[in-house]
Amino acid sequence: MRWWKILGLAGFVGVAATGVVIARAERRRRAYTPDEIRARLHTRHTEASETGSAAHG
């Protein structure tokens, strides 16, 4: 019966660690201003367009 306790504790620790990772990623994502996000999206779009046209032409 003891291994059930260990398994339960390991599961709890895993869920807690996942929550920490998600919270950290959310804070990092929210740290960008709308202008920074817009600029990053424009950059990604430009790179994707260049890659797409090079692959087709």
C-alpha atoms as a PDB file:
ATOM      1  CA  MET A   1       0.000   0.000   0.000  1.00  0.00           C
ATOM      2  CA  ARG A   2       2.975   2.297   0.503  1.00  0.00           C
ATOM      3  CA  TRP A   3       3.795   2.499  -3.204  1.00  0.00           C
ATOM      4  CA  TRP A   4       0.335   3.971  -3.826  1.00  0.00           C
ATOM      5  CA  LYS A   5       1.261   6.867  -1.574  1.00  0.00           C
ATOM      6  CA  ILE A   6       4.538   7.372  -3.410  1.00  0.00           C
ATOM      7  CA  LEU A   7       2.769   7.212  -6.779  1.00  0.00           C
ATOM      8  CA  GLY A   8       0.170   9.735  -5.598  1.00  0.00           C
ATOM      9  CA  LEU A   9       2.843  12.079  -4.302  1.00  0.00           C
ATOM     10  CA  ALA A  10       4.775  11.814  -7.590  1.00  0.00           C
ATOM     11  CA  GLY A  11       1.602  12.636  -9.527  1.00  0.00           C
ATOM     12  CA  PHE A  12       0.927  15.644  -7.330  1.00  0.00           C
ATOM     13  CA  VAL A  13       4.484  16.910  -7.794  1.00  0.00           C
ATOM     14  CA  GLY A  14       4.145  16.455 -11.567  1.00  0.00           C
ATOM     15  CA  VAL A  15       0.923  18.446 -11.694  1.00  0.00           C
ATOM     16  CA  ALA A  16       2.433  21.204  -9.548  1.00  0.00           C
ATOM     17  CA  ALA A  17       5.537  21.379 -11.745  1.00  0.00           C
ATOM     18  CA  THR A  18       3.385  21.613 -14.871  1.00  0.00           C
ATOM     19  CA  GLY A  19       1.449  24.485 -13.309  1.00  0.00           C
ATOM     20  CA  VAL A  20       4.680  26.321 -12.557  1.00  0.00           C
ATOM     21  CA  VAL A  21       5.882  25.922 -16.143  1.00  0.00           C
ATOM     22  CA  ILE A  22       2.561  27.159 -17.543  1.00  0.00           C
ATOM     23  CA  ALA A  23       2.500  30.153 -15.184  1.00  0.00           C
ATOM     24  CA  ARG A  24       6.064  31.085 -16.110  1.00  0.00           C
ATOM     25  CA  ALA A  25       5.302  30.884 -19.833  1.00  0.00           C
ATOM     26  CA  GLU A  26       2.166  32.986 -19.354  1.00  0.00           C
ATOM     27  CA  ARG A  27       4.117  35.689 -17.504  1.00  0.00           C
ATOM     28  CA  ARG A  28       6.739  35.728 -20.246  1.00  0.00           C
ATOM     29  CA  ARG A  29       4.029  35.995 -22.919  1.00  0.00           C
ATOM     30  CA  ARG A  30       2.237  38.839 -21.146  1.00  0.00           C
ATOM     31  CA  ALA A  31       5.491  40.785 -20.772  1.00  0.00           C
ATOM     32  CA  TYR A  32       5.349  41.830 -24.440  1.00  0.00           C
ATOM     33  CA  THR A  33       3.646  45.068 -25.394  1.00  0.00           C
ATOM     34  CA  PRO A  34       1.097  44.986 -28.223  1.00  0.00           C
ATOM     35  CA  ASP A  35       3.581  46.791 -30.490  1.00  0.00           C
ATOM     36  CA  GLU A  36       6.250  44.161 -29.784  1.00  0.00           C
ATOM     37  CA  ILE A  37       3.811  41.361 -30.544  1.00  0.00           C
ATOM     38  CA  ARG A  38       2.750  43.045 -33.782  1.00  0.00           C
ATOM     39  CA  ALA A  39       6.384  43.511 -34.841  1.00  0.00           C
ATOM     40  CA  ARG A  40       7.192  39.864 -34.074  1.00  0.00           C
ATOM     41  CA  LEU A  41       4.184  38.681 -36.066  1.00  0.00           C
ATOM     42  CA  HIS A  42       5.163  40.848 -39.037  1.00  0.00           C
ATOM     43  CA  THR A  43       8.697  39.443 -38.890  1.00  0.00           C
ATOM     44  CA  ARG A  44       7.427  35.863 -38.773  1.00  0.00           C
ATOM     45  CA  HIS A  45       5.058  36.519 -41.661  1.00  0.00           C
ATOM     46  CA  THR A  46       7.836  38.020 -43.762  1.00  0.00           C
ATOM     47  CA  GLU A  47      10.153  35.081 -43.041  1.00  0.00           C
ATOM     48  CA  ALA A  48       7.411  32.577 -43.829  1.00  0.00           C
ATOM     49  CA  SER A  49       6.579  34.378 -47.077  1.00  0.00           C
ATOM     50  CA  GLU A  50      10.213  34.380 -48.159  1.00  0.00           C
ATOM     51  CA  THR A  51      10.602  30.704 -47.291  1.00  0.00           C
ATOM     52  CA  GLY A  52       7.387  29.816 -49.096  1.00  0.00           C
ATOM     53  CA  SER A  53       8.270  31.671 -52.283  1.00  0.00           C
ATOM     54  CA  ALA A  54      11.797  30.184 -52.319  1.00  0.00           C
ATOM     55  CA  ALA A  55      10.376  26.680 -52.008  1.00  0.00           C
ATOM     56  CA  HIS A  56       7.884  27.189 -54.864  1.00  0.00           C
ATOM     57  CA  GLY A  57      10.059  29.138 -57.247  1.00  0.00           C
END
